[in-house]
């Protein structure tokens, strides 16, 4: 009985220690980015970004496997540098922002990539056009530091490739590439 009680207390103490070490870092506008690219008629990559989004990194920076990573990108803020193309991307042929205003991602697990320092496989749920798919991103954790104002920061860059047709976005395939690479650069400020 004494051993069981000590084991239970140790487990509760360990749980409390993990909870105390978990920190939340929120993305800051102008310091974080969500960028995407695909091929354009097979001759060059076409890039775009979401100008409005939220993102968080929660966990113990000393143990990145504890991280929970999430983001929400506002489709209306899509920006490729060409207004006519942006309007088309917001419309029903592509993102259909009126019906589906956000693209979201929430991690379900994080694990170290063997043989690669500070690189983690982040599995999670990506939702676009009302369709949710399990995807895996490679996350380069750059670490923690202090911003110029003294704020504590943490961050890195996640990269994943998806097929947009898997989410029901099939307009223009194959001229406009099916495979889309998404890059999320997150500089989070400790909350």
N, C-alpha and C. Protein backbone atom coordinates (compact mmCIF):
# COMPACT_ATOMS: atom_id res chain seq x y z
N UNK A 1 0.83 -1.19 0.00
CA UNK A 1 0.00 0.00 0.00
C UNK A 1 0.88 1.27 0.00
N UNK A 2 1.94 1.24 0.84
CA UNK A 2 2.85 2.37 0.93
C UNK A 2 3.52 2.61 -0.43
N UNK A 3 3.94 1.53 -1.11
CA UNK A 3 4.57 1.65 -2.43
C UNK A 3 3.61 2.24 -3.43
N UNK A 4 2.35 1.79 -3.42
CA UNK A 4 1.33 2.32 -4.33
C UNK A 4 1.11 3.80 -4.08
N UNK A 5 1.04 4.20 -2.80
CA UNK A 5 0.83 5.60 -2.46
C UNK A 5 2.02 6.46 -2.93
N UNK A 6 3.25 5.98 -2.71
CA UNK A 6 4.43 6.72 -3.15
C UNK A 6 4.48 6.82 -4.67
N UNK A 7 4.12 5.73 -5.36
CA UNK A 7 4.10 5.75 -6.83
C UNK A 7 3.09 6.75 -7.34
N UNK A 8 1.92 6.77 -6.72
CA UNK A 8 0.86 7.71 -7.12
C UNK A 8 1.32 9.15 -6.90
N UNK A 9 1.92 9.42 -5.73
CA UNK A 9 2.40 10.77 -5.44
C UNK A 9 3.51 11.18 -6.42
N UNK A 10 4.41 10.24 -6.75
CA UNK A 10 5.48 10.54 -7.71
C UNK A 10 4.90 10.86 -9.07
N UNK A 11 3.89 10.10 -9.50
CA UNK A 11 3.26 10.33 -10.80
C UNK A 11 2.58 11.69 -10.83
N UNK A 12 1.88 12.04 -9.74
CA UNK A 12 1.21 13.34 -9.66
C UNK A 12 2.26 14.45 -9.69
N UNK A 13 3.35 14.28 -8.95
CA UNK A 13 4.43 15.28 -8.94
C UNK A 13 5.05 15.45 -10.31
N UNK A 14 5.29 14.35 -11.03
CA UNK A 14 5.85 14.41 -12.37
C UNK A 14 4.89 15.13 -13.30
N UNK A 15 3.60 14.83 -13.19
CA UNK A 15 2.60 15.49 -14.02
C UNK A 15 2.60 16.99 -13.76
N UNK A 16 2.69 17.38 -12.49
CA UNK A 16 2.70 18.80 -12.14
C UNK A 16 3.94 19.47 -12.70
N UNK A 17 5.09 18.77 -12.64
CA UNK A 17 6.32 19.35 -13.16
C UNK A 17 6.23 19.59 -14.66
N UNK A 18 5.64 18.64 -15.39
CA UNK A 18 5.48 18.80 -16.84
C UNK A 18 4.57 19.97 -17.14
N UNK A 19 3.48 20.09 -16.39
CA UNK A 19 2.53 21.18 -16.60
C UNK A 19 3.19 22.53 -16.35
N UNK A 20 4.02 22.62 -15.31
CA UNK A 20 4.67 23.88 -14.99
C UNK A 20 5.63 24.29 -16.11
N UNK A 21 6.30 23.31 -16.76
CA UNK A 21 7.27 23.63 -17.79
C UNK A 21 6.64 24.00 -19.12
N UNK A 22 5.39 23.63 -19.34
CA UNK A 22 4.73 23.94 -20.61
C UNK A 22 4.52 25.44 -20.75
N UNK A 23 4.91 25.96 -21.89
CA UNK A 23 4.77 27.39 -22.17
C UNK A 23 3.97 27.54 -23.47
N UNK A 24 3.30 28.68 -23.61
CA UNK A 24 2.57 28.97 -24.84
C UNK A 24 3.21 30.18 -25.50
N UNK A 25 3.52 30.02 -26.80
CA UNK A 25 4.09 31.09 -27.61
C UNK A 25 3.11 31.38 -28.74
N UNK A 26 2.72 32.65 -28.88
CA UNK A 26 1.77 33.04 -29.92
C UNK A 26 2.49 33.79 -31.04
N UNK A 27 2.09 33.45 -32.28
CA UNK A 27 2.68 34.08 -33.46
C UNK A 27 2.43 35.58 -33.43
N UNK A 28 3.42 36.32 -33.89
CA UNK A 28 3.30 37.77 -33.96
C UNK A 28 3.32 38.19 -35.42
N UNK A 29 2.35 39.04 -35.79
CA UNK A 29 2.27 39.54 -37.16
C UNK A 29 3.58 40.22 -37.55
N UNK A 30 4.00 39.97 -38.78
CA UNK A 30 5.23 40.56 -39.27
C UNK A 30 6.48 39.79 -38.88
N UNK A 31 6.34 38.84 -37.96
CA UNK A 31 7.46 38.00 -37.55
C UNK A 31 7.21 36.54 -37.91
N UNK A 32 5.99 36.23 -38.33
CA UNK A 32 5.59 34.87 -38.70
C UNK A 32 4.90 34.93 -40.05
N UNK A 33 4.94 33.80 -40.77
CA UNK A 33 4.41 33.79 -42.14
C UNK A 33 3.81 32.43 -42.47
N UNK A 34 2.76 32.45 -43.27
CA UNK A 34 2.23 31.24 -43.89
C UNK A 34 2.29 31.47 -45.40
N UNK A 35 3.16 30.71 -46.05
CA UNK A 35 3.42 30.86 -47.48
C UNK A 35 3.10 29.53 -48.17
N UNK A 36 2.61 29.60 -49.39
CA UNK A 36 2.36 28.37 -50.15
C UNK A 36 2.90 28.54 -51.56
N UNK A 37 3.18 27.39 -52.22
CA UNK A 37 3.61 27.45 -53.61
C UNK A 37 3.12 26.21 -54.34
N UNK A 38 2.91 26.39 -55.62
CA UNK A 38 2.57 25.29 -56.51
C UNK A 38 3.14 25.63 -57.89
N UNK A 39 3.07 24.69 -58.81
CA UNK A 39 3.58 24.99 -60.15
C UNK A 39 2.51 25.69 -60.98
N UNK A 40 2.96 26.54 -61.88
CA UNK A 40 2.06 27.31 -62.73
C UNK A 40 2.32 26.93 -64.18
N UNK A 41 1.47 26.08 -64.72
CA UNK A 41 1.57 25.59 -66.10
C UNK A 41 2.92 24.93 -66.38
N UNK A 42 3.49 24.33 -65.32
CA UNK A 42 4.70 23.53 -65.46
C UNK A 42 5.97 24.30 -65.74
N UNK A 43 5.91 25.64 -65.71
CA UNK A 43 7.11 26.40 -66.07
C UNK A 43 7.77 27.14 -64.90
N UNK A 44 7.04 27.36 -63.82
CA UNK A 44 7.64 28.04 -62.67
C UNK A 44 6.76 27.85 -61.44
N UNK A 45 7.33 28.04 -60.25
CA UNK A 45 6.50 28.00 -59.05
C UNK A 45 5.74 29.32 -58.89
N UNK A 46 4.51 29.21 -58.45
CA UNK A 46 3.71 30.39 -58.12
C UNK A 46 3.55 30.41 -56.61
N UNK A 47 3.81 31.56 -56.00
CA UNK A 47 3.78 31.70 -54.55
C UNK A 47 2.61 32.56 -54.10
N UNK A 48 2.19 32.34 -52.87
CA UNK A 48 1.18 33.17 -52.24
C UNK A 48 1.35 33.09 -50.74
N UNK A 49 0.59 33.90 -50.05
CA UNK A 49 0.65 33.86 -48.58
C UNK A 49 -0.71 34.25 -48.01
N UNK A 50 -0.86 33.97 -46.73
CA UNK A 50 -2.01 34.44 -45.98
C UNK A 50 -1.51 35.56 -45.08
N UNK A 51 -2.09 36.75 -45.24
CA UNK A 51 -1.62 37.89 -44.45
C UNK A 51 -2.20 37.92 -43.05
N UNK A 52 -3.36 37.26 -42.83
CA UNK A 52 -3.99 37.24 -41.51
C UNK A 52 -4.10 35.80 -41.03
N UNK A 53 -3.53 35.54 -39.86
CA UNK A 53 -3.60 34.20 -39.28
C UNK A 53 -3.23 34.27 -37.81
N UNK A 54 -3.53 33.20 -37.11
CA UNK A 54 -3.09 33.03 -35.73
C UNK A 54 -2.30 31.73 -35.68
N UNK A 55 -1.42 31.62 -34.72
CA UNK A 55 -0.64 30.40 -34.57
C UNK A 55 -0.10 30.30 -33.16
N UNK A 56 -0.03 29.07 -32.63
CA UNK A 56 0.52 28.87 -31.30
C UNK A 56 1.44 27.67 -31.28
N UNK A 57 2.38 27.75 -30.38
CA UNK A 57 3.33 26.68 -30.09
C UNK A 57 3.28 26.52 -28.58
N UNK A 58 2.79 25.38 -28.10
CA UNK A 58 2.64 25.16 -26.67
C UNK A 58 3.40 23.91 -26.27
N UNK A 59 4.21 24.01 -25.23
CA UNK A 59 4.96 22.86 -24.74
C UNK A 59 6.21 23.31 -24.03
N UNK A 60 7.10 22.37 -23.79
CA UNK A 60 8.36 22.63 -23.12
C UNK A 60 9.46 22.75 -24.17
N UNK A 61 10.03 23.94 -24.37
CA UNK A 61 11.07 24.11 -25.39
C UNK A 61 12.28 23.19 -25.18
N UNK A 62 12.48 22.72 -23.95
CA UNK A 62 13.58 21.79 -23.69
C UNK A 62 13.24 20.38 -24.18
N UNK A 63 11.96 20.12 -24.43
CA UNK A 63 11.49 18.82 -24.93
C UNK A 63 10.49 19.06 -26.05
N UNK A 64 10.95 19.41 -27.26
CA UNK A 64 10.03 19.75 -28.34
C UNK A 64 9.00 18.68 -28.69
N UNK A 65 9.24 17.42 -28.28
CA UNK A 65 8.25 16.37 -28.52
C UNK A 65 6.94 16.66 -27.78
N UNK A 66 6.99 17.58 -26.79
CA UNK A 66 5.78 17.93 -26.03
C UNK A 66 4.95 19.01 -26.73
N UNK A 67 5.48 19.57 -27.81
CA UNK A 67 4.80 20.69 -28.46
C UNK A 67 3.43 20.31 -29.01
N UNK A 68 2.53 21.25 -28.90
CA UNK A 68 1.27 21.26 -29.66
C UNK A 68 1.36 22.48 -30.56
N UNK A 69 1.16 22.26 -31.85
CA UNK A 69 1.31 23.34 -32.83
C UNK A 69 -0.01 23.51 -33.57
N UNK A 70 -0.44 24.74 -33.72
CA UNK A 70 -1.69 24.98 -34.44
C UNK A 70 -1.63 26.32 -35.16
N UNK A 71 -2.46 26.42 -36.22
CA UNK A 71 -2.63 27.71 -36.88
C UNK A 71 -4.01 27.77 -37.53
N UNK A 72 -4.49 29.00 -37.71
CA UNK A 72 -5.72 29.30 -38.46
C UNK A 72 -5.38 30.41 -39.43
N UNK A 73 -5.55 30.16 -40.72
CA UNK A 73 -5.30 31.17 -41.75
C UNK A 73 -6.63 31.67 -42.29
N UNK A 74 -6.79 32.99 -42.39
CA UNK A 74 -8.01 33.58 -42.90
C UNK A 74 -7.93 33.66 -44.43
N UNK A 75 -8.81 32.95 -45.09
CA UNK A 75 -8.75 32.83 -46.56
C UNK A 75 -8.91 34.19 -47.24
N UNK A 76 -9.71 35.07 -46.69
CA UNK A 76 -9.90 36.39 -47.31
C UNK A 76 -8.60 37.17 -47.40
N UNK A 77 -7.61 36.80 -46.59
CA UNK A 77 -6.35 37.55 -46.57
C UNK A 77 -5.32 37.00 -47.57
N UNK A 78 -5.73 36.08 -48.43
CA UNK A 78 -4.80 35.48 -49.40
C UNK A 78 -4.19 36.57 -50.27
N UNK A 79 -2.89 36.43 -50.55
CA UNK A 79 -2.18 37.49 -51.26
C UNK A 79 -1.10 36.86 -52.15
N UNK A 80 -1.29 36.97 -53.46
CA UNK A 80 -0.28 36.49 -54.41
C UNK A 80 0.39 37.65 -55.14
N UNK A 81 -0.05 38.86 -54.82
CA UNK A 81 0.50 40.03 -55.50
C UNK A 81 -0.26 40.43 -56.74
N UNK A 82 -1.28 39.63 -57.12
CA UNK A 82 -2.11 39.94 -58.29
C UNK A 82 -3.57 39.91 -57.83
N UNK A 83 -4.20 41.08 -57.76
CA UNK A 83 -5.54 41.19 -57.19
C UNK A 83 -6.56 40.30 -57.89
N UNK A 84 -6.51 40.26 -59.22
CA UNK A 84 -7.48 39.45 -59.96
C UNK A 84 -7.32 37.96 -59.61
N UNK A 85 -6.07 37.50 -59.50
CA UNK A 85 -5.83 36.10 -59.12
C UNK A 85 -6.26 35.85 -57.68
N UNK A 86 -6.00 36.81 -56.79
CA UNK A 86 -6.42 36.66 -55.39
C UNK A 86 -7.94 36.50 -55.28
N UNK A 87 -8.67 37.32 -56.04
CA UNK A 87 -10.14 37.21 -56.04
C UNK A 87 -10.59 35.85 -56.53
N UNK A 88 -9.91 35.34 -57.58
CA UNK A 88 -10.26 34.02 -58.11
C UNK A 88 -9.96 32.94 -57.07
N UNK A 89 -8.83 33.04 -56.37
CA UNK A 89 -8.47 32.06 -55.34
C UNK A 89 -9.47 32.07 -54.16
N UNK A 90 -10.02 33.24 -53.86
CA UNK A 90 -11.01 33.34 -52.77
C UNK A 90 -12.36 32.76 -53.19
N UNK A 91 -12.60 32.65 -54.49
CA UNK A 91 -13.90 32.23 -55.01
C UNK A 91 -14.13 30.73 -54.97
N UNK A 92 -15.28 30.30 -55.50
CA UNK A 92 -15.69 28.89 -55.42
C UNK A 92 -14.81 27.92 -56.20
N UNK A 93 -14.03 28.39 -57.19
CA UNK A 93 -13.14 27.48 -57.91
C UNK A 93 -11.99 26.97 -57.03
N UNK A 94 -11.63 27.75 -56.02
CA UNK A 94 -10.49 27.39 -55.18
C UNK A 94 -10.90 27.30 -53.71
N UNK A 95 -10.63 28.34 -52.91
CA UNK A 95 -10.83 28.25 -51.46
C UNK A 95 -12.26 28.48 -50.99
N UNK A 96 -13.10 29.12 -51.82
CA UNK A 96 -14.49 29.37 -51.47
C UNK A 96 -14.61 30.01 -50.08
N UNK A 97 -14.01 31.19 -49.95
CA UNK A 97 -13.90 31.83 -48.64
C UNK A 97 -15.23 32.20 -48.00
N UNK A 98 -16.27 32.38 -48.80
CA UNK A 98 -17.59 32.72 -48.22
C UNK A 98 -18.11 31.55 -47.38
N UNK A 99 -17.94 30.34 -47.89
CA UNK A 99 -18.43 29.16 -47.18
C UNK A 99 -17.40 28.59 -46.21
N UNK A 100 -16.12 28.72 -46.56
CA UNK A 100 -15.04 28.14 -45.75
C UNK A 100 -13.99 29.22 -45.49
N UNK A 101 -14.21 30.07 -44.48
CA UNK A 101 -13.34 31.24 -44.28
C UNK A 101 -11.95 30.96 -43.72
N UNK A 102 -11.70 29.73 -43.24
CA UNK A 102 -10.41 29.45 -42.61
C UNK A 102 -9.80 28.15 -43.12
N UNK A 103 -8.47 28.12 -43.10
CA UNK A 103 -7.70 26.89 -43.24
C UNK A 103 -7.07 26.68 -41.88
N UNK A 104 -7.24 25.48 -41.30
CA UNK A 104 -6.73 25.25 -39.95
C UNK A 104 -5.84 24.02 -39.88
N UNK A 105 -4.95 24.03 -38.90
CA UNK A 105 -4.10 22.88 -38.62
C UNK A 105 -3.95 22.76 -37.12
N UNK A 106 -4.04 21.52 -36.62
CA UNK A 106 -3.81 21.24 -35.20
C UNK A 106 -3.03 19.94 -35.10
N UNK A 107 -1.87 20.00 -34.45
CA UNK A 107 -1.03 18.81 -34.33
C UNK A 107 -1.67 17.78 -33.40
N UNK A 108 -1.36 16.51 -33.69
CA UNK A 108 -1.80 15.41 -32.83
C UNK A 108 -0.62 14.67 -32.22
N UNK A 109 0.56 14.77 -32.84
CA UNK A 109 1.77 14.17 -32.27
C UNK A 109 3.01 14.84 -32.86
N UNK A 110 4.07 14.83 -32.06
CA UNK A 110 5.36 15.38 -32.48
C UNK A 110 6.43 14.37 -32.11
N UNK A 111 7.30 14.03 -33.05
CA UNK A 111 8.37 13.08 -32.75
C UNK A 111 9.65 13.51 -33.45
N UNK A 112 10.77 13.25 -32.79
CA UNK A 112 12.08 13.60 -33.34
C UNK A 112 12.34 12.77 -34.60
N UNK A 113 12.98 13.38 -35.58
CA UNK A 113 13.38 12.68 -36.80
C UNK A 113 14.79 12.15 -36.57
N UNK A 114 14.93 10.85 -36.62
CA UNK A 114 16.21 10.21 -36.34
C UNK A 114 17.30 10.71 -37.29
N UNK A 115 18.43 11.05 -36.70
CA UNK A 115 19.58 11.47 -37.50
C UNK A 115 19.57 12.94 -37.90
N UNK A 116 18.52 13.68 -37.48
CA UNK A 116 18.44 15.10 -37.83
C UNK A 116 18.23 15.91 -36.56
N UNK A 117 19.20 16.73 -36.24
CA UNK A 117 19.12 17.52 -35.02
C UNK A 117 18.08 18.63 -35.14
N UNK A 118 17.22 18.72 -34.13
CA UNK A 118 16.19 19.76 -34.03
C UNK A 118 15.17 19.71 -35.16
N UNK A 119 14.97 18.54 -35.77
CA UNK A 119 13.94 18.36 -36.80
C UNK A 119 12.92 17.35 -36.26
N UNK A 120 11.63 17.71 -36.37
CA UNK A 120 10.56 16.91 -35.80
C UNK A 120 9.48 16.64 -36.84
N UNK A 121 8.92 15.44 -36.79
CA UNK A 121 7.76 15.10 -37.62
C UNK A 121 6.53 15.47 -36.83
N UNK A 122 5.73 16.36 -37.39
CA UNK A 122 4.52 16.82 -36.72
C UNK A 122 3.32 16.29 -37.50
N UNK A 123 2.61 15.36 -36.89
CA UNK A 123 1.39 14.84 -37.51
C UNK A 123 0.22 15.64 -36.97
N UNK A 124 -0.74 15.92 -37.83
CA UNK A 124 -1.88 16.69 -37.38
C UNK A 124 -3.00 16.68 -38.39
N UNK A 125 -4.04 17.42 -38.06
CA UNK A 125 -5.25 17.50 -38.87
C UNK A 125 -5.29 18.85 -39.59
N UNK A 126 -5.28 18.80 -40.93
CA UNK A 126 -5.39 19.99 -41.75
C UNK A 126 -6.81 20.03 -42.31
N UNK A 127 -7.48 21.16 -42.11
CA UNK A 127 -8.85 21.32 -42.60
C UNK A 127 -8.90 22.46 -43.60
N UNK A 128 -9.43 22.14 -44.79
CA UNK A 128 -9.57 23.11 -45.87
C UNK A 128 -10.82 22.74 -46.65
N UNK A 129 -11.62 23.73 -47.00
CA UNK A 129 -12.87 23.49 -47.74
C UNK A 129 -13.78 22.51 -47.00
N UNK A 130 -13.72 22.52 -45.68
CA UNK A 130 -14.57 21.64 -44.88
C UNK A 130 -14.10 20.19 -44.85
N UNK A 131 -12.96 19.89 -45.45
CA UNK A 131 -12.42 18.53 -45.48
C UNK A 131 -11.21 18.48 -44.55
N UNK A 132 -11.17 17.47 -43.69
CA UNK A 132 -10.05 17.30 -42.76
C UNK A 132 -9.25 16.07 -43.15
N UNK A 133 -7.94 16.26 -43.27
CA UNK A 133 -7.03 15.16 -43.61
C UNK A 133 -5.87 15.15 -42.62
N UNK A 134 -5.38 13.94 -42.32
CA UNK A 134 -4.19 13.80 -41.50
C UNK A 134 -2.97 14.02 -42.40
N UNK A 135 -2.11 14.92 -41.97
CA UNK A 135 -0.91 15.26 -42.74
C UNK A 135 0.30 15.24 -41.80
N UNK A 136 1.49 15.18 -42.39
CA UNK A 136 2.72 15.24 -41.60
C UNK A 136 3.60 16.36 -42.13
N UNK A 137 3.99 17.24 -41.23
CA UNK A 137 4.89 18.35 -41.56
C UNK A 137 6.25 18.08 -40.93
N UNK A 138 7.29 18.56 -41.58
CA UNK A 138 8.62 18.54 -40.99
C UNK A 138 8.85 19.89 -40.33
N UNK A 139 9.18 19.87 -39.05
CA UNK A 139 9.33 21.10 -38.27
C UNK A 139 10.78 21.25 -37.83
N UNK A 140 11.43 22.30 -38.33
CA UNK A 140 12.79 22.66 -37.88
C UNK A 140 12.63 23.60 -36.70
N UNK A 141 12.96 23.11 -35.51
CA UNK A 141 12.86 23.94 -34.31
C UNK A 141 14.14 24.74 -34.15
N UNK A 142 14.04 26.06 -34.24
CA UNK A 142 15.23 26.90 -34.17
C UNK A 142 15.62 27.22 -32.73
N UNK A 143 14.67 27.07 -31.79
CA UNK A 143 15.00 27.26 -30.38
C UNK A 143 14.29 28.45 -29.77
N UNK A 144 14.85 28.92 -28.67
CA UNK A 144 14.28 30.02 -27.92
C UNK A 144 15.28 31.17 -27.86
N UNK A 145 14.79 32.33 -27.47
CA UNK A 145 15.67 33.48 -27.35
C UNK A 145 14.92 34.67 -26.78
N UNK A 146 15.51 35.84 -26.96
CA UNK A 146 14.89 37.08 -26.50
C UNK A 146 14.80 38.04 -27.67
N UNK A 147 13.62 38.65 -27.83
CA UNK A 147 13.42 39.68 -28.85
C UNK A 147 14.09 40.98 -28.39
N UNK A 148 14.16 41.95 -29.28
CA UNK A 148 14.83 43.21 -28.95
C UNK A 148 14.22 43.89 -27.73
N UNK A 149 12.92 43.74 -27.55
CA UNK A 149 12.25 44.36 -26.40
C UNK A 149 12.37 43.53 -25.13
N UNK A 150 13.05 42.39 -25.22
CA UNK A 150 13.22 41.55 -24.04
C UNK A 150 12.22 40.42 -23.91
N UNK A 151 11.22 40.38 -24.82
CA UNK A 151 10.23 39.30 -24.76
C UNK A 151 10.88 37.96 -25.05
N UNK A 152 10.41 36.91 -24.34
CA UNK A 152 10.89 35.56 -24.61
C UNK A 152 10.19 35.04 -25.86
N UNK A 153 10.98 34.44 -26.78
CA UNK A 153 10.43 33.95 -28.03
C UNK A 153 10.91 32.53 -28.30
N UNK A 154 10.16 31.83 -29.12
CA UNK A 154 10.53 30.49 -29.59
C UNK A 154 9.99 30.36 -31.01
N UNK A 155 10.64 29.51 -31.80
CA UNK A 155 10.11 29.37 -33.14
C UNK A 155 10.84 28.39 -34.01
N UNK A 156 10.33 28.29 -35.22
CA UNK A 156 10.89 27.40 -36.21
C UNK A 156 10.07 27.47 -37.48
N UNK A 157 10.30 26.50 -38.35
CA UNK A 157 9.59 26.48 -39.63
C UNK A 157 9.09 25.08 -39.93
N UNK A 158 7.81 25.00 -40.26
CA UNK A 158 7.19 23.73 -40.65
C UNK A 158 6.92 23.74 -42.14
N UNK A 159 7.17 22.61 -42.79
CA UNK A 159 6.92 22.47 -44.22
C UNK A 159 6.15 21.19 -44.47
N UNK A 160 5.11 21.28 -45.27
CA UNK A 160 4.36 20.10 -45.67
C UNK A 160 3.88 20.25 -47.10
N UNK A 161 3.65 19.13 -47.75
CA UNK A 161 3.12 19.13 -49.11
C UNK A 161 1.83 18.33 -49.13
N UNK A 162 0.79 18.91 -49.73
CA UNK A 162 -0.51 18.25 -49.84
C UNK A 162 -0.97 18.29 -51.30
N UNK A 163 -1.90 17.42 -51.61
CA UNK A 163 -2.57 17.49 -52.91
C UNK A 163 -3.89 18.22 -52.68
N UNK A 164 -4.06 19.31 -53.39
CA UNK A 164 -5.28 20.10 -53.19
C UNK A 164 -6.52 19.36 -53.63
N UNK A 165 -6.38 18.43 -54.59
CA UNK A 165 -7.54 17.64 -55.03
C UNK A 165 -8.05 16.75 -53.91
N UNK A 166 -7.20 16.39 -52.94
CA UNK A 166 -7.66 15.60 -51.78
C UNK A 166 -8.67 16.36 -50.94
N UNK A 167 -8.69 17.69 -51.08
CA UNK A 167 -9.61 18.53 -50.33
C UNK A 167 -10.77 19.02 -51.21
N UNK A 168 -10.83 18.53 -52.44
CA UNK A 168 -11.91 18.92 -53.34
C UNK A 168 -11.62 20.15 -54.17
N UNK A 169 -10.37 20.60 -54.19
CA UNK A 169 -9.99 21.78 -54.96
C UNK A 169 -9.32 21.30 -56.25
N UNK A 170 -10.13 21.07 -57.29
CA UNK A 170 -9.57 20.46 -58.50
C UNK A 170 -9.56 21.38 -59.72
N UNK A 171 -9.93 22.64 -59.55
CA UNK A 171 -9.95 23.58 -60.67
C UNK A 171 -8.54 23.75 -61.25
N UNK A 172 -8.43 23.67 -62.57
CA UNK A 172 -7.19 23.99 -63.26
C UNK A 172 -6.13 22.91 -63.29
N UNK A 173 -6.41 21.76 -62.65
CA UNK A 173 -5.44 20.65 -62.67
C UNK A 173 -5.49 20.01 -64.05
N UNK A 174 -4.40 19.73 -64.74
CA UNK A 174 -3.04 19.73 -64.23
C UNK A 174 -2.27 21.01 -64.51
N UNK A 175 -2.82 21.97 -65.26
CA UNK A 175 -2.07 23.19 -65.59
C UNK A 175 -1.57 23.91 -64.35
N UNK A 176 -2.46 24.07 -63.40
CA UNK A 176 -2.07 24.63 -62.10
C UNK A 176 -1.83 23.42 -61.20
N UNK A 177 -0.66 23.34 -60.61
CA UNK A 177 -0.24 22.14 -59.89
C UNK A 177 -1.20 21.65 -58.85
N UNK A 178 -1.26 20.32 -58.72
CA UNK A 178 -2.06 19.69 -57.68
C UNK A 178 -1.32 19.71 -56.35
N UNK A 179 -0.01 19.46 -56.39
CA UNK A 179 0.77 19.46 -55.16
C UNK A 179 1.07 20.89 -54.73
N UNK A 180 0.76 21.17 -53.46
CA UNK A 180 0.98 22.49 -52.89
C UNK A 180 1.87 22.33 -51.66
N UNK A 181 2.95 23.09 -51.65
CA UNK A 181 3.83 23.11 -50.48
C UNK A 181 3.45 24.28 -49.60
N UNK A 182 3.26 24.00 -48.32
CA UNK A 182 2.88 25.02 -47.34
C UNK A 182 4.05 25.18 -46.37
N UNK A 183 4.49 26.42 -46.18
CA UNK A 183 5.57 26.72 -45.24
C UNK A 183 5.05 27.66 -44.16
N UNK A 184 5.18 27.23 -42.92
CA UNK A 184 4.73 28.04 -41.79
C UNK A 184 5.94 28.42 -40.96
N UNK A 185 6.30 29.68 -41.00
CA UNK A 185 7.41 30.20 -40.20
C UNK A 185 6.79 30.86 -38.97
N UNK A 186 7.09 30.31 -37.80
CA UNK A 186 6.46 30.78 -36.58
C UNK A 186 7.48 31.36 -35.62
N UNK A 187 7.34 32.64 -35.32
CA UNK A 187 8.08 33.24 -34.22
C UNK A 187 7.04 33.56 -33.17
N UNK A 188 7.05 32.77 -32.11
CA UNK A 188 6.04 32.92 -31.08
C UNK A 188 6.57 33.68 -29.88
N UNK A 189 5.71 34.52 -29.33
CA UNK A 189 6.04 35.31 -28.15
C UNK A 189 5.39 34.67 -26.94
N UNK A 190 6.19 34.45 -25.89
CA UNK A 190 5.70 33.77 -24.69
C UNK A 190 4.57 34.55 -24.06
N UNK A 191 3.50 33.83 -23.73
CA UNK A 191 2.32 34.45 -23.12
C UNK A 191 2.37 34.37 -21.61
